[in-house]
Amino acid sequence: MSIINNQDEIHKAAQSNVVDERLKAAKYFKDNFKSLNNKEQAWQDMIQLMQDNNFEVQKIILESLLPVFDFTDEVYAWEKLMEYMKKMNKQQYIDYLVLNYVVEVLSHGFRFLPTNSKKEAWQDLIQLSKDANSNVRTNMYIIFYLALKYVPDDYKNQARQEYGVLDLPDLPEL
């Protein structure tokens, strides 16, 4: 495998029909995301590679999501992952590995969203949990549980009313 020197080459490698090229791109994203100039393009490429039919490519990208989240605009990353979850929601078959990684990243990322973005993000979660495939819906509860510590009381009350969550324990710092 040759060395990738710039983001255009990474993008081309991510789009390649050759598995080794996509693996190279996935590894580059995992190791070098913070140094990339066009993080929006990188996110688009990563979302595409999350759906790759090669397990190794998919695994590398999924493992890189959590660390990458910290080096990008939180709102943008949240929106991209929610778009992906909404697409996943419409599928009959859901890859559980992908679902678990995305849920982990969303759970981690909610607390870092700016306060003015949390209301919309909370509504995204509520909507997805109502309309979702049962596997997605079940995983939404994990995000609710972890996100509740970082939301205003009226959102907590909404969760208590809509989901029967009456007694929420104090959650440890993540």
C-alpha atoms as a PDB file:
ATOM      1  CA  MET A   1       0.000   0.000   0.000  1.00  0.00           C
ATOM      2  CA  SER A   2       1.276   3.421  -0.866  1.00  0.00           C
ATOM      3  CA  ILE A   3       1.242   6.355   1.536  1.00  0.00           C
ATOM      4  CA  ILE A   4      -1.590   8.858   1.278  1.00  0.00           C
ATOM      5  CA  ASN A   5      -0.282  12.423   1.035  1.00  0.00           C
ATOM      6  CA  ASN A   6      -3.373  14.630   0.896  1.00  0.00           C
ATOM      7  CA  GLN A   7      -7.079  14.661   1.542  1.00  0.00           C
ATOM      8  CA  ASP A   8      -8.016  14.311  -2.136  1.00  0.00           C
ATOM      9  CA  GLU A   9      -6.114  11.033  -2.204  1.00  0.00           C
ATOM     10  CA  ILE A  10      -7.856   9.903   0.987  1.00  0.00           C
ATOM     11  CA  HIS A  11     -11.239  10.701  -0.554  1.00  0.00           C
ATOM     12  CA  LYS A  12     -10.357   8.763  -3.730  1.00  0.00           C
ATOM     13  CA  ALA A  13      -9.156   5.819  -1.644  1.00  0.00           C
ATOM     14  CA  ALA A  14     -12.417   5.866   0.348  1.00  0.00           C
ATOM     15  CA  GLN A  15     -14.376   5.730  -2.929  1.00  0.00           C
ATOM     16  CA  SER A  16     -12.233   2.991  -4.472  1.00  0.00           C
ATOM     17  CA  ASN A  17     -13.527  -0.408  -5.550  1.00  0.00           C
ATOM     18  CA  VAL A  18     -10.294  -1.904  -4.193  1.00  0.00           C
ATOM     19  CA  VAL A  19     -10.595  -3.079  -0.592  1.00  0.00           C
ATOM     20  CA  ASP A  20      -6.938  -2.322   0.201  1.00  0.00           C
ATOM     21  CA  GLU A  21      -7.468   1.298  -0.848  1.00  0.00           C
ATOM     22  CA  ARG A  22     -10.555   1.637   1.377  1.00  0.00           C
ATOM     23  CA  LEU A  23      -8.631   0.031   4.242  1.00  0.00           C
ATOM     24  CA  LYS A  24      -5.861   2.575   3.721  1.00  0.00           C
ATOM     25  CA  ALA A  25      -8.399   5.415   3.852  1.00  0.00           C
ATOM     26  CA  ALA A  26     -10.075   3.994   6.970  1.00  0.00           C
ATOM     27  CA  LYS A  27      -6.732   3.704   8.777  1.00  0.00           C
ATOM     28  CA  TYR A  28      -5.796   7.215   7.735  1.00  0.00           C
ATOM     29  CA  PHE A  29      -9.067   8.624   9.114  1.00  0.00           C
ATOM     30  CA  LYS A  30      -8.561   6.732  12.350  1.00  0.00           C
ATOM     31  CA  ASP A  31      -4.993   7.937  12.866  1.00  0.00           C
ATOM     32  CA  ASN A  32      -5.037  11.408  11.311  1.00  0.00           C
ATOM     33  CA  PHE A  33      -8.550  12.846  11.406  1.00  0.00           C
ATOM     34  CA  LYS A  34      -7.628  15.809  13.589  1.00  0.00           C
ATOM     35  CA  SER A  35      -5.071  17.014  11.036  1.00  0.00           C
ATOM     36  CA  LEU A  36      -7.480  16.965   8.072  1.00  0.00           C
ATOM     37  CA  ASN A  37      -8.601  20.337   6.741  1.00  0.00           C
ATOM     38  CA  ASN A  38     -11.963  19.339   5.302  1.00  0.00           C
ATOM     39  CA  LYS A  39     -13.607  17.495   8.181  1.00  0.00           C
ATOM     40  CA  GLU A  40     -17.010  17.631   6.476  1.00  0.00           C
ATOM     41  CA  GLN A  41     -15.696  15.613   3.527  1.00  0.00           C
ATOM     42  CA  ALA A  42     -13.937  13.274   5.938  1.00  0.00           C
ATOM     43  CA  TRP A  43     -17.203  12.670   7.828  1.00  0.00           C
ATOM     44  CA  GLN A  44     -19.018  11.944   4.570  1.00  0.00           C
ATOM     45  CA  ASP A  45     -16.336   9.458   3.604  1.00  0.00           C
ATOM     46  CA  MET A  46     -16.418   7.856   7.040  1.00  0.00           C
ATOM     47  CA  ILE A  47     -20.209   7.485   7.003  1.00  0.00           C
ATOM     48  CA  GLN A  48     -19.900   5.794   3.619  1.00  0.00           C
ATOM     49  CA  LEU A  49     -17.152   3.485   4.900  1.00  0.00           C
ATOM     50  CA  MET A  50     -19.295   2.577   7.924  1.00  0.00           C
ATOM     51  CA  GLN A  51     -21.543   0.845   5.402  1.00  0.00           C
ATOM     52  CA  ASP A  52     -18.692  -0.907   3.582  1.00  0.00           C
ATOM     53  CA  ASN A  53     -19.239  -4.569   2.811  1.00  0.00           C
ATOM     54  CA  ASN A  54     -15.723  -5.378   4.020  1.00  0.00           C
ATOM     55  CA  PHE A  55     -15.825  -6.052   7.759  1.00  0.00           C
ATOM     56  CA  GLU A  56     -12.265  -4.820   8.411  1.00  0.00           C
ATOM     57  CA  VAL A  57     -12.926  -1.452   6.731  1.00  0.00           C
ATOM     58  CA  GLN A  58     -16.164  -1.081   8.645  1.00  0.00           C
ATOM     59  CA  LYS A  59     -14.556  -2.040  11.970  1.00  0.00           C
ATOM     60  CA  ILE A  60     -11.693   0.447  11.627  1.00  0.00           C
ATOM     61  CA  ILE A  61     -14.095   3.290  10.843  1.00  0.00           C
ATOM     62  CA  LEU A  62     -16.434   2.357  13.696  1.00  0.00           C
ATOM     63  CA  GLU A  63     -13.544   2.232  16.152  1.00  0.00           C
ATOM     64  CA  SER A  64     -12.453   5.684  15.032  1.00  0.00           C
ATOM     65  CA  LEU A  65     -15.836   7.388  15.502  1.00  0.00           C
ATOM     66  CA  LEU A  66     -15.506   8.131  19.204  1.00  0.00           C
ATOM     67  CA  PRO A  67     -12.039   9.710  19.091  1.00  0.00           C
ATOM     68  CA  VAL A  68     -12.913  11.560  15.858  1.00  0.00           C
ATOM     69  CA  PHE A  69     -16.022  13.081  17.471  1.00  0.00           C
ATOM     70  CA  ASP A  70     -13.741  15.095  19.746  1.00  0.00           C
ATOM     71  CA  PHE A  71     -11.957  16.723  16.786  1.00  0.00           C
ATOM     72  CA  THR A  72     -14.934  18.014  14.876  1.00  0.00           C
ATOM     73  CA  ASP A  73     -17.900  20.298  15.316  1.00  0.00           C
ATOM     74  CA  GLU A  74     -20.114  18.421  17.763  1.00  0.00           C
ATOM     75  CA  VAL A  75     -23.368  19.613  16.206  1.00  0.00           C
ATOM     76  CA  TYR A  76     -22.257  18.588  12.712  1.00  0.00           C
ATOM     77  CA  ALA A  77     -21.096  15.173  13.914  1.00  0.00           C
ATOM     78  CA  TRP A  78     -24.355  14.665  15.838  1.00  0.00           C
ATOM     79  CA  GLU A  79     -26.425  15.591  12.770  1.00  0.00           C
ATOM     80  CA  LYS A  80     -24.481  13.223  10.516  1.00  0.00           C
ATOM     81  CA  LEU A  81     -24.822  10.318  12.921  1.00  0.00           C
ATOM     82  CA  MET A  82     -28.530  11.023  13.428  1.00  0.00           C
ATOM     83  CA  GLU A  83     -29.025  11.056   9.643  1.00  0.00           C
ATOM     84  CA  TYR A  84     -27.317   7.695   9.548  1.00  0.00           C
ATOM     85  CA  MET A  85     -29.519   6.374  12.377  1.00  0.00           C
ATOM     86  CA  LYS A  86     -32.647   7.553  10.547  1.00  0.00           C
ATOM     87  CA  LYS A  87     -31.539   5.699   7.420  1.00  0.00           C
ATOM     88  CA  MET A  88     -30.717   2.647   9.506  1.00  0.00           C
ATOM     89  CA  ASN A  89     -34.158   2.871  11.074  1.00  0.00           C
ATOM     90  CA  LYS A  90     -35.791   2.232   7.681  1.00  0.00           C
ATOM     91  CA  GLN A  91     -33.860  -0.952   7.017  1.00  0.00           C
ATOM     92  CA  GLN A  92     -35.144  -4.440   7.733  1.00  0.00           C
ATOM     93  CA  TYR A  93     -31.672  -5.686   8.632  1.00  0.00           C
ATOM     94  CA  ILE A  94     -29.519  -3.664  10.998  1.00  0.00           C
ATOM     95  CA  ASP A  95     -25.890  -4.438  11.577  1.00  0.00           C
ATOM     96  CA  TYR A  96     -25.657  -4.630  15.363  1.00  0.00           C
ATOM     97  CA  LEU A  97     -21.967  -3.824  15.425  1.00  0.00           C
ATOM     98  CA  VAL A  98     -22.616  -0.576  13.569  1.00  0.00           C
ATOM     99  CA  LEU A  99     -25.643   0.205  15.718  1.00  0.00           C
ATOM    100  CA  ASN A 100     -23.717  -0.327  18.959  1.00  0.00           C
ATOM    101  CA  TYR A 101     -20.823   1.901  17.904  1.00  0.00           C
ATOM    102  CA  VAL A 102     -23.121   4.686  16.701  1.00  0.00           C
ATOM    103  CA  VAL A 103     -25.126   4.520  19.936  1.00  0.00           C
ATOM    104  CA  GLU A 104     -21.906   4.717  21.938  1.00  0.00           C
ATOM    105  CA  VAL A 105     -20.783   7.815  20.036  1.00  0.00           C
ATOM    106  CA  LEU A 106     -24.182   9.516  20.315  1.00  0.00           C
ATOM    107  CA  SER A 107     -24.261   8.737  24.037  1.00  0.00           C
ATOM    108  CA  HIS A 108     -20.806  10.223  24.435  1.00  0.00           C
ATOM    109  CA  GLY A 109     -21.496  13.185  22.188  1.00  0.00           C
ATOM    110  CA  PHE A 110     -24.745  14.452  23.666  1.00  0.00           C
ATOM    111  CA  ARG A 111     -23.076  15.999  26.681  1.00  0.00           C
ATOM    112  CA  PHE A 112     -20.700  17.997  24.473  1.00  0.00           C
ATOM    113  CA  LEU A 113     -23.407  19.594  22.379  1.00  0.00           C
ATOM    114  CA  PRO A 114     -23.864  23.306  22.997  1.00  0.00           C
ATOM    115  CA  THR A 115     -26.808  24.018  25.288  1.00  0.00           C
ATOM    116  CA  ASN A 116     -28.778  25.652  22.480  1.00  0.00           C
ATOM    117  CA  SER A 117     -28.450  22.454  20.382  1.00  0.00           C
ATOM    118  CA  LYS A 118     -29.500  19.998  23.078  1.00  0.00           C
ATOM    119  CA  LYS A 119     -33.223  20.663  22.679  1.00  0.00           C
ATOM    120  CA  GLU A 120     -33.172  19.737  18.996  1.00  0.00           C
ATOM    121  CA  ALA A 121     -30.914  16.750  19.681  1.00  0.00           C
ATOM    122  CA  TRP A 122     -33.272  15.602  22.438  1.00  0.00           C
ATOM    123  CA  GLN A 123     -36.212  15.875  20.036  1.00  0.00           C
ATOM    124  CA  ASP A 124     -34.236  13.828  17.484  1.00  0.00           C
ATOM    125  CA  LEU A 125     -33.845  11.084  20.065  1.00  0.00           C
ATOM    126  CA  ILE A 126     -37.525  11.209  21.041  1.00  0.00           C
ATOM    127  CA  GLN A 127     -38.623  10.987  17.401  1.00  0.00           C
ATOM    128  CA  LEU A 128     -36.231   8.195  16.550  1.00  0.00           C
ATOM    129  CA  SER A 129     -37.315   6.195  19.588  1.00  0.00           C
ATOM    130  CA  LYS A 130     -40.965   6.445  18.543  1.00  0.00           C
ATOM    131  CA  ASP A 131     -40.553   5.553  14.883  1.00  0.00           C
ATOM    132  CA  ALA A 132     -37.613   3.240  15.070  1.00  0.00           C
ATOM    133  CA  ASN A 133     -37.004  -0.322  14.229  1.00  0.00           C
ATOM    134  CA  SER A 134     -37.275  -2.182  17.544  1.00  0.00           C
ATOM    135  CA  ASN A 135     -33.499  -2.722  17.684  1.00  0.00           C
ATOM    136  CA  VAL A 136     -32.809   0.977  17.150  1.00  0.00           C
ATOM    137  CA  ARG A 137     -35.531   1.919  19.637  1.00  0.00           C
ATOM    138  CA  THR A 138     -34.025  -0.313  22.307  1.00  0.00           C
ATOM    139  CA  ASN A 139     -30.648   1.312  21.804  1.00  0.00           C
ATOM    140  CA  MET A 140     -32.200   4.776  22.010  1.00  0.00           C
ATOM    141  CA  TYR A 141     -33.000   4.081  25.647  1.00  0.00           C
ATOM    142  CA  ILE A 142     -29.292   3.707  26.338  1.00  0.00           C
ATOM    143  CA  ILE A 143     -28.713   7.168  24.918  1.00  0.00           C
ATOM    144  CA  PHE A 144     -31.638   8.569  26.912  1.00  0.00           C
ATOM    145  CA  TYR A 145     -30.240   7.131  30.103  1.00  0.00           C
ATOM    146  CA  LEU A 146     -26.783   8.554  29.508  1.00  0.00           C
ATOM    147  CA  ALA A 147     -28.038  11.887  28.168  1.00  0.00           C
ATOM    148  CA  LEU A 148     -30.486  12.590  30.982  1.00  0.00           C
ATOM    149  CA  LYS A 149     -27.753  13.896  33.230  1.00  0.00           C
ATOM    150  CA  TYR A 150     -27.016  16.658  30.710  1.00  0.00           C
ATOM    151  CA  VAL A 151     -30.505  17.901  29.921  1.00  0.00           C
ATOM    152  CA  PRO A 152     -32.796  20.405  31.651  1.00  0.00           C
ATOM    153  CA  ASP A 153     -35.464  19.145  34.039  1.00  0.00           C
ATOM    154  CA  ASP A 154     -38.326  19.649  31.582  1.00  0.00           C
ATOM    155  CA  TYR A 155     -36.688  17.155  29.198  1.00  0.00           C
ATOM    156  CA  LYS A 156     -36.257  14.714  32.057  1.00  0.00           C
ATOM    157  CA  ASN A 157     -39.930  15.128  32.892  1.00  0.00           C
ATOM    158  CA  GLN A 158     -40.828  14.442  29.265  1.00  0.00           C
ATOM    159  CA  ALA A 159     -38.827  11.199  29.385  1.00  0.00           C
ATOM    160  CA  ARG A 160     -40.487  10.218  32.653  1.00  0.00           C
ATOM    161  CA  GLN A 161     -43.954  10.815  31.205  1.00  0.00           C
ATOM    162  CA  GLU A 162     -43.421   9.269  27.793  1.00  0.00           C
ATOM    163  CA  TYR A 163     -41.269   6.331  28.808  1.00  0.00           C
ATOM    164  CA  GLY A 164     -42.309   5.611  32.358  1.00  0.00           C
ATOM    165  CA  VAL A 165     -38.874   6.440  33.696  1.00  0.00           C
ATOM    166  CA  LEU A 166     -39.857   7.440  37.215  1.00  0.00           C
ATOM    167  CA  ASP A 167     -36.774   7.040  39.322  1.00  0.00           C
ATOM    168  CA  LEU A 168     -33.555   7.959  37.650  1.00  0.00           C
ATOM    169  CA  PRO A 169     -30.472   7.285  39.733  1.00  0.00           C
ATOM    170  CA  ASP A 170     -27.711   9.833  39.907  1.00  0.00           C
ATOM    171  CA  LEU A 171     -25.438   9.065  37.032  1.00  0.00           C
ATOM    172  CA  PRO A 172     -21.669   8.946  37.398  1.00  0.00           C
ATOM    173  CA  GLU A 173     -19.521  11.420  35.490  1.00  0.00           C
ATOM    174  CA  LEU A 174     -18.525   9.991  32.125  1.00  0.00           C
END
